[in-house]
N, C-alpha and C. Protein backbone atom coordinates (compact mmCIF):
# COMPACT_ATOMS: atom_id res chain seq x y z
N UNK A 1 -13.69 -23.77 -20.32
CA UNK A 1 -13.00 -24.77 -21.19
C UNK A 1 -12.70 -25.91 -20.19
N UNK A 2 -12.79 -27.08 -20.74
CA UNK A 2 -12.35 -28.30 -19.77
C UNK A 2 -10.97 -28.54 -19.89
N UNK A 3 -10.50 -28.97 -18.57
CA UNK A 3 -9.14 -29.48 -18.68
C UNK A 3 -8.81 -30.66 -19.44
N UNK A 4 -7.61 -30.83 -19.94
CA UNK A 4 -7.31 -32.18 -20.76
C UNK A 4 -7.08 -33.29 -19.66
N UNK A 5 -7.70 -34.56 -20.15
CA UNK A 5 -7.32 -35.70 -19.31
C UNK A 5 -6.13 -36.47 -19.66
N UNK A 6 -5.55 -36.81 -18.53
CA UNK A 6 -4.40 -37.68 -18.59
C UNK A 6 -4.68 -38.98 -17.86
N UNK A 7 -4.67 -40.07 -18.80
CA UNK A 7 -4.86 -41.66 -18.16
C UNK A 7 -3.70 -42.16 -17.63
N UNK A 8 -3.51 -42.69 -16.52
CA UNK A 8 -2.64 -43.52 -16.21
C UNK A 8 -3.32 -44.96 -16.11
N UNK A 9 -2.47 -45.74 -16.89
CA UNK A 9 -2.43 -47.13 -16.98
C UNK A 9 -1.47 -47.72 -16.25
N UNK A 10 -1.84 -48.53 -15.29
CA UNK A 10 -0.83 -49.06 -14.47
C UNK A 10 -1.30 -49.94 -13.45
N UNK A 11 -1.05 -51.09 -13.21
CA UNK A 11 -1.46 -52.37 -12.45
C UNK A 11 -0.91 -52.22 -10.98
N UNK A 12 -0.07 -51.60 -10.75
CA UNK A 12 0.50 -51.57 -9.26
C UNK A 12 -0.20 -50.15 -8.60
N UNK A 13 -0.77 -50.38 -7.67
CA UNK A 13 -1.63 -49.21 -6.98
C UNK A 13 -0.60 -47.97 -6.39
N UNK A 14 0.52 -48.62 -6.16
CA UNK A 14 1.48 -47.63 -5.45
C UNK A 14 2.10 -46.88 -6.62
N UNK A 15 2.36 -47.36 -7.73
CA UNK A 15 2.83 -46.51 -8.65
C UNK A 15 1.73 -45.60 -9.17
N UNK A 16 0.55 -45.99 -9.36
CA UNK A 16 -0.45 -45.18 -9.99
C UNK A 16 -0.78 -43.85 -8.86
N UNK A 17 -0.54 -44.40 -7.55
CA UNK A 17 -0.67 -43.11 -6.39
C UNK A 17 0.43 -42.00 -6.83
N UNK A 18 1.80 -42.84 -6.95
CA UNK A 18 2.88 -41.72 -7.04
C UNK A 18 2.73 -41.09 -8.46
N UNK A 19 1.98 -41.56 -9.40
CA UNK A 19 2.11 -40.90 -10.63
C UNK A 19 0.84 -39.74 -10.40
N UNK A 20 -0.15 -40.08 -9.96
CA UNK A 20 -1.23 -39.08 -9.62
C UNK A 20 -0.74 -38.03 -8.93
N UNK A 21 0.16 -38.06 -7.78
CA UNK A 21 0.85 -37.21 -6.91
C UNK A 21 1.55 -36.44 -7.67
N UNK A 22 2.36 -36.75 -8.67
CA UNK A 22 3.31 -36.10 -9.37
C UNK A 22 2.68 -35.05 -10.48
N UNK A 23 1.29 -35.11 -10.50
CA UNK A 23 0.58 -34.71 -11.54
C UNK A 23 -0.57 -33.60 -10.95
N UNK A 24 -0.20 -33.70 -9.49
CA UNK A 24 -1.40 -32.81 -8.46
C UNK A 24 -1.15 -31.32 -9.07
N UNK A 25 -0.03 -30.94 -9.44
CA UNK A 25 0.05 -29.29 -9.76
C UNK A 25 -0.08 -29.03 -11.19
N UNK A 26 -0.29 -30.16 -12.01
CA UNK A 26 -0.70 -29.91 -13.51
C UNK A 26 -1.90 -29.41 -13.84
N UNK A 27 -2.39 -28.92 -14.72
CA UNK A 27 -3.70 -28.35 -15.23
C UNK A 27 -4.28 -29.45 -16.10
N UNK A 28 -4.60 -30.70 -15.37
CA UNK A 28 -5.21 -31.64 -16.08
C UNK A 28 -6.26 -32.43 -15.22
N UNK A 29 -6.96 -33.32 -15.80
CA UNK A 29 -7.97 -34.19 -15.00
C UNK A 29 -7.26 -35.59 -14.96
N UNK A 30 -7.01 -36.08 -14.05
CA UNK A 30 -6.38 -37.47 -13.96
C UNK A 30 -7.24 -38.59 -13.70
N UNK A 31 -7.21 -39.77 -14.82
CA UNK A 31 -7.91 -40.76 -14.53
C UNK A 31 -7.30 -41.85 -14.56
N UNK A 32 -7.92 -42.99 -13.99
CA UNK A 32 -6.66 -44.48 -14.17
C UNK A 32 -7.24 -45.66 -14.60
N UNK A 33 -6.47 -46.63 -15.01
CA UNK A 33 -6.87 -47.83 -15.41
C UNK A 33 -6.04 -48.79 -14.79
N UNK A 34 -6.39 -50.00 -14.37
CA UNK A 34 -5.41 -50.73 -13.56
C UNK A 34 -5.31 -52.19 -14.74
N UNK A 35 -5.60 -52.13 -15.74
CA UNK A 35 -5.27 -53.30 -16.60
C UNK A 35 -5.58 -52.80 -18.10
N UNK A 36 -5.30 -53.55 -19.05
CA UNK A 36 -5.34 -53.36 -20.56
C UNK A 36 -6.74 -53.41 -20.80
N UNK A 37 -7.53 -53.98 -20.44
CA UNK A 37 -9.11 -54.04 -20.55
C UNK A 37 -9.59 -52.54 -20.41
N UNK A 38 -9.35 -52.13 -19.08
CA UNK A 38 -10.09 -50.90 -18.71
C UNK A 38 -9.31 -49.63 -19.56
N UNK A 39 -8.19 -49.84 -20.00
CA UNK A 39 -7.70 -48.88 -20.83
C UNK A 39 -8.39 -48.68 -22.08
N UNK A 40 -8.50 -50.11 -22.65
CA UNK A 40 -9.35 -49.96 -23.87
C UNK A 40 -10.76 -49.36 -23.88
N UNK A 41 -11.25 -49.89 -22.76
CA UNK A 41 -12.63 -49.18 -22.56
C UNK A 41 -12.77 -47.71 -22.56
N UNK A 42 -11.69 -47.17 -21.79
CA UNK A 42 -11.71 -45.60 -21.68
C UNK A 42 -11.43 -45.05 -23.20
N UNK A 43 -10.22 -45.78 -23.75
CA UNK A 43 -10.02 -45.17 -24.87
C UNK A 43 -11.06 -45.09 -26.07
N UNK A 44 -11.93 -46.10 -25.72
CA UNK A 44 -13.26 -46.33 -27.00
C UNK A 44 -14.20 -45.33 -26.52
N UNK A 45 -14.37 -44.89 -25.31
CA UNK A 45 -15.40 -43.96 -24.73
C UNK A 45 -14.71 -42.63 -24.93
N UNK A 46 -13.61 -42.41 -24.67
CA UNK A 46 -13.31 -40.77 -24.42
C UNK A 46 -11.71 -40.86 -24.53
N UNK A 47 -10.80 -40.86 -25.49
CA UNK A 47 -9.45 -40.98 -25.74
C UNK A 47 -8.99 -39.52 -24.79
N UNK A 48 -7.89 -39.88 -23.79
CA UNK A 48 -7.62 -38.75 -22.92
C UNK A 48 -6.62 -37.98 -23.97
N UNK A 49 -5.97 -36.83 -23.58
CA UNK A 49 -5.16 -36.15 -24.51
C UNK A 49 -3.50 -36.48 -24.11
N UNK A 50 -3.53 -37.19 -23.06
CA UNK A 50 -2.16 -37.80 -22.66
C UNK A 50 -2.33 -39.20 -21.82
N UNK A 51 -1.56 -40.17 -22.07
CA UNK A 51 -1.78 -41.68 -21.58
C UNK A 51 -0.40 -41.79 -20.86
N UNK A 52 -0.17 -42.28 -19.77
CA UNK A 52 0.93 -42.92 -19.03
C UNK A 52 0.61 -44.29 -18.95
N UNK A 53 1.49 -45.06 -19.92
CA UNK A 53 1.23 -46.58 -20.23
C UNK A 53 2.34 -47.37 -19.65
N UNK A 54 1.87 -48.41 -18.81
CA UNK A 54 2.94 -49.31 -18.38
C UNK A 54 3.03 -50.35 -19.52
N UNK A 55 3.97 -51.10 -19.79
CA UNK A 55 3.91 -51.84 -20.91
C UNK A 55 3.51 -53.19 -20.37
N UNK A 56 3.89 -53.40 -18.97
CA UNK A 56 3.39 -54.90 -18.63
C UNK A 56 2.11 -54.67 -17.81
N UNK A 57 1.13 -55.23 -18.32
CA UNK A 57 -0.15 -55.28 -17.71
C UNK A 57 -1.22 -56.34 -17.69
N UNK A 58 -2.14 -56.59 -16.84
CA UNK A 58 -2.91 -57.91 -16.99
C UNK A 58 -3.94 -57.62 -18.04
N UNK A 59 -4.40 -58.70 -18.51
CA UNK A 59 -5.25 -58.99 -19.58
C UNK A 59 -4.73 -58.51 -20.94
N UNK A 60 -4.79 -57.23 -21.25
CA UNK A 60 -4.02 -56.79 -22.20
C UNK A 60 -2.86 -55.98 -21.86
N UNK A 61 -1.74 -56.32 -22.98
CA UNK A 61 -0.54 -55.65 -22.53
C UNK A 61 -0.49 -54.16 -23.00
N UNK A 62 0.60 -53.08 -22.46
CA UNK A 62 0.56 -52.11 -22.92
C UNK A 62 0.95 -51.86 -24.53
N UNK A 63 1.75 -52.88 -25.06
CA UNK A 63 2.02 -52.72 -26.42
C UNK A 63 0.80 -52.84 -27.15
N UNK A 64 -0.21 -53.90 -26.70
CA UNK A 64 -1.29 -53.94 -27.66
C UNK A 64 -2.30 -52.77 -27.54
N UNK A 65 -2.06 -52.06 -26.01
CA UNK A 65 -3.04 -50.86 -25.98
C UNK A 65 -2.34 -49.53 -26.93
N UNK A 66 -0.94 -49.60 -26.96
CA UNK A 66 -0.31 -48.47 -27.67
C UNK A 66 -0.64 -48.93 -29.37
N UNK A 67 -0.48 -50.04 -29.68
CA UNK A 67 -0.78 -50.37 -31.14
C UNK A 67 -2.31 -49.99 -31.79
N UNK A 68 -3.23 -50.21 -30.45
CA UNK A 68 -4.51 -49.76 -30.86
C UNK A 68 -4.70 -48.01 -30.72
N UNK A 69 -4.04 -47.70 -30.29
CA UNK A 69 -3.99 -45.99 -30.21
C UNK A 69 -3.49 -45.51 -31.70
N UNK A 70 -2.34 -46.18 -31.95
CA UNK A 70 -1.78 -45.96 -33.35
C UNK A 70 -2.93 -46.23 -34.47
N UNK A 71 -3.36 -47.63 -34.54
CA UNK A 71 -4.23 -47.94 -35.38
C UNK A 71 -5.51 -47.24 -35.59
N UNK A 72 -6.04 -46.55 -34.64
CA UNK A 72 -7.20 -45.89 -34.72
C UNK A 72 -6.94 -44.22 -34.87
N UNK A 73 -5.59 -44.12 -34.79
CA UNK A 73 -5.11 -42.69 -35.03
C UNK A 73 -5.85 -41.77 -33.87
N UNK A 74 -5.88 -42.31 -32.77
CA UNK A 74 -6.40 -41.58 -31.65
C UNK A 74 -5.62 -40.38 -31.24
N UNK A 75 -5.90 -39.11 -30.80
CA UNK A 75 -5.51 -37.92 -30.58
C UNK A 75 -4.47 -38.08 -29.32
N UNK A 76 -4.34 -39.29 -28.89
CA UNK A 76 -3.66 -39.42 -27.58
C UNK A 76 -2.07 -39.37 -27.63
N UNK A 77 -1.41 -38.61 -26.77
CA UNK A 77 -0.12 -38.76 -26.68
C UNK A 77 0.42 -39.75 -25.64
N UNK A 78 1.12 -40.86 -26.16
CA UNK A 78 1.51 -41.89 -25.24
C UNK A 78 2.89 -41.82 -24.49
N UNK A 79 2.80 -41.63 -23.20
CA UNK A 79 4.28 -41.78 -22.52
C UNK A 79 4.29 -43.24 -21.91
N UNK A 80 5.28 -44.06 -22.40
CA UNK A 80 5.47 -45.35 -21.60
C UNK A 80 6.18 -45.23 -20.39
N UNK A 81 5.57 -45.82 -19.45
CA UNK A 81 6.08 -46.15 -18.08
C UNK A 81 6.38 -47.63 -17.67
N UNK A 82 7.77 -47.93 -17.49
CA UNK A 82 8.09 -49.48 -17.28
C UNK A 82 9.23 -49.56 -16.56
N UNK A 83 9.35 -50.61 -15.57
CA UNK A 83 10.31 -51.03 -15.01
C UNK A 83 11.67 -51.71 -15.91
N UNK A 84 10.81 -52.09 -17.17
CA UNK A 84 12.02 -52.87 -17.85
C UNK A 84 12.68 -51.73 -18.89
N UNK A 85 13.63 -51.03 -18.04
CA UNK A 85 14.08 -49.58 -18.90
C UNK A 85 15.41 -50.28 -19.87
N UNK A 86 15.01 -50.89 -20.71
CA UNK A 86 16.03 -51.50 -21.81
C UNK A 86 15.86 -50.34 -22.96
N UNK A 87 16.95 -50.05 -23.53
CA UNK A 87 17.07 -49.25 -24.74
C UNK A 87 16.17 -50.11 -25.99
N UNK A 88 16.32 -51.34 -26.00
CA UNK A 88 15.56 -51.90 -27.16
C UNK A 88 13.95 -51.76 -26.79
N UNK A 89 13.66 -52.01 -25.79
CA UNK A 89 11.95 -51.60 -25.44
C UNK A 89 11.76 -50.20 -25.60
N UNK A 90 12.43 -49.42 -25.31
CA UNK A 90 12.02 -47.98 -25.42
C UNK A 90 11.85 -47.63 -27.03
N UNK A 91 12.98 -48.20 -27.80
CA UNK A 91 13.02 -47.94 -29.07
C UNK A 91 11.70 -48.46 -29.80
N UNK A 92 11.59 -49.68 -29.33
CA UNK A 92 10.18 -50.46 -29.95
C UNK A 92 9.13 -49.61 -29.95
N UNK A 93 8.83 -49.07 -28.44
CA UNK A 93 7.72 -48.31 -28.06
C UNK A 93 7.42 -47.21 -28.98
N UNK A 94 8.70 -46.50 -29.24
CA UNK A 94 8.66 -45.27 -29.81
C UNK A 94 8.40 -45.66 -31.22
N UNK A 95 8.99 -46.82 -31.82
CA UNK A 95 8.39 -47.13 -33.26
C UNK A 95 7.04 -47.46 -33.34
N UNK A 96 6.44 -47.86 -32.26
CA UNK A 96 4.98 -48.26 -32.30
C UNK A 96 4.25 -46.97 -32.13
N UNK A 97 4.81 -45.86 -32.08
CA UNK A 97 3.77 -44.75 -31.85
C UNK A 97 3.85 -43.96 -30.52
N UNK A 98 4.67 -44.45 -29.58
CA UNK A 98 4.87 -43.71 -28.45
C UNK A 98 5.56 -42.32 -28.53
N UNK A 99 5.29 -41.42 -27.48
CA UNK A 99 5.75 -40.03 -27.80
C UNK A 99 7.19 -39.75 -26.63
N UNK A 100 7.17 -40.82 -25.73
CA UNK A 100 8.27 -40.76 -24.71
C UNK A 100 8.34 -41.84 -24.11
N UNK A 101 9.24 -42.22 -23.10
CA UNK A 101 9.49 -43.29 -22.44
C UNK A 101 10.09 -42.70 -21.02
N UNK A 102 9.70 -43.23 -19.85
CA UNK A 102 10.05 -42.71 -18.60
C UNK A 102 10.33 -44.34 -17.88
N UNK A 103 11.61 -44.47 -17.37
CA UNK A 103 11.87 -45.73 -16.70
C UNK A 103 11.53 -45.66 -15.20
N UNK A 104 11.09 -46.69 -14.56
CA UNK A 104 10.90 -46.55 -13.50
C UNK A 104 12.16 -47.33 -12.69
N UNK A 105 12.56 -46.84 -11.37
CA UNK A 105 12.06 -45.63 -10.61
C UNK A 105 11.80 -44.42 -11.32
N UNK A 106 10.92 -43.64 -11.24
CA UNK A 106 10.84 -42.57 -11.70
C UNK A 106 10.64 -41.10 -10.78
N UNK A 107 11.39 -40.06 -11.18
CA UNK A 107 11.05 -38.84 -10.12
C UNK A 107 10.12 -38.28 -10.57
N UNK A 108 9.34 -37.57 -9.68
CA UNK A 108 8.06 -36.92 -9.83
C UNK A 108 8.28 -35.72 -10.94
N UNK A 109 9.33 -35.22 -10.75
CA UNK A 109 9.35 -33.87 -11.61
C UNK A 109 9.72 -34.25 -12.98
N UNK A 110 10.39 -35.47 -13.22
CA UNK A 110 10.42 -36.18 -14.50
C UNK A 110 9.05 -36.47 -15.24
N UNK A 111 8.34 -37.18 -14.57
CA UNK A 111 7.00 -37.19 -14.80
C UNK A 111 5.97 -35.91 -15.20
N UNK A 112 5.91 -35.05 -14.30
CA UNK A 112 5.45 -33.66 -14.55
C UNK A 112 5.91 -33.11 -15.87
N UNK A 113 7.17 -33.05 -15.99
CA UNK A 113 7.85 -32.39 -17.03
C UNK A 113 7.32 -33.26 -18.32
N UNK A 114 7.49 -34.35 -18.48
CA UNK A 114 7.11 -35.20 -19.59
C UNK A 114 5.64 -34.94 -20.11
N UNK A 115 4.54 -35.10 -18.84
CA UNK A 115 3.28 -34.83 -19.13
C UNK A 115 2.87 -33.53 -19.38
N UNK A 116 3.47 -32.51 -18.71
CA UNK A 116 3.28 -31.06 -19.39
C UNK A 116 3.92 -30.73 -20.64
N UNK A 117 4.93 -31.55 -21.33
CA UNK A 117 5.35 -31.30 -22.57
C UNK A 117 4.42 -31.86 -23.59
N UNK A 118 3.96 -33.21 -23.17
CA UNK A 118 2.95 -33.78 -24.09
C UNK A 118 1.64 -33.05 -24.11
N UNK A 119 1.04 -32.60 -22.98
CA UNK A 119 -0.08 -31.81 -22.89
C UNK A 119 -0.08 -30.56 -24.11
N UNK A 120 1.23 -29.72 -23.75
CA UNK A 120 1.50 -28.73 -24.88
C UNK A 120 1.41 -29.16 -26.09
N UNK A 121 2.04 -30.29 -26.30
CA UNK A 121 2.14 -30.88 -27.82
C UNK A 121 0.56 -31.13 -28.54
N UNK A 122 -0.04 -31.60 -27.36
CA UNK A 122 -1.66 -32.30 -27.84
C UNK A 122 -2.18 -30.77 -27.80
N UNK A 123 -2.03 -29.99 -27.27
CA UNK A 123 -2.99 -28.54 -27.32
C UNK A 123 -2.50 -27.90 -28.60
N UNK A 124 -1.33 -28.13 -29.00
CA UNK A 124 -0.77 -27.23 -30.36
C UNK A 124 -1.18 -28.31 -31.43
N UNK A 125 -1.85 -29.34 -31.28
CA UNK A 125 -2.24 -30.03 -32.29
C UNK A 125 -0.88 -30.69 -33.25
N UNK A 126 0.09 -31.10 -32.37
CA UNK A 126 1.40 -31.60 -32.96
C UNK A 126 1.04 -32.92 -33.29
N UNK A 127 1.34 -33.40 -34.55
CA UNK A 127 1.22 -34.77 -35.22
C UNK A 127 2.15 -35.67 -34.55
N UNK A 128 2.37 -36.80 -35.15
CA UNK A 128 3.39 -37.77 -34.55
C UNK A 128 4.75 -37.49 -35.28
């Protein structure tokens, strides 16, 4: 059985590294995209089980990526990660189809717990 894929979509290299490190003990394969275009290419080729998505990205915004996932009804569970930790933004992202919201700076255990929960929900075939 293949391991589920978690896609990290984050333009900041340090943040991507920290997210990858937070997931080192999670039973998943981690892939990365550094902008919205890379995220779109990955989603079109092979949608991941879970996506950690920054909202502020070069080329295409995280909001555009999130809307694509929702419009195409991809089986990807989306967790928003952003420094703009305003309640309004979180609510909008959740309304747009996100399954969770993690503010920066994040704690590795918070990321791990959120991803494990999303992977379990994806494995159970839980809908939106």
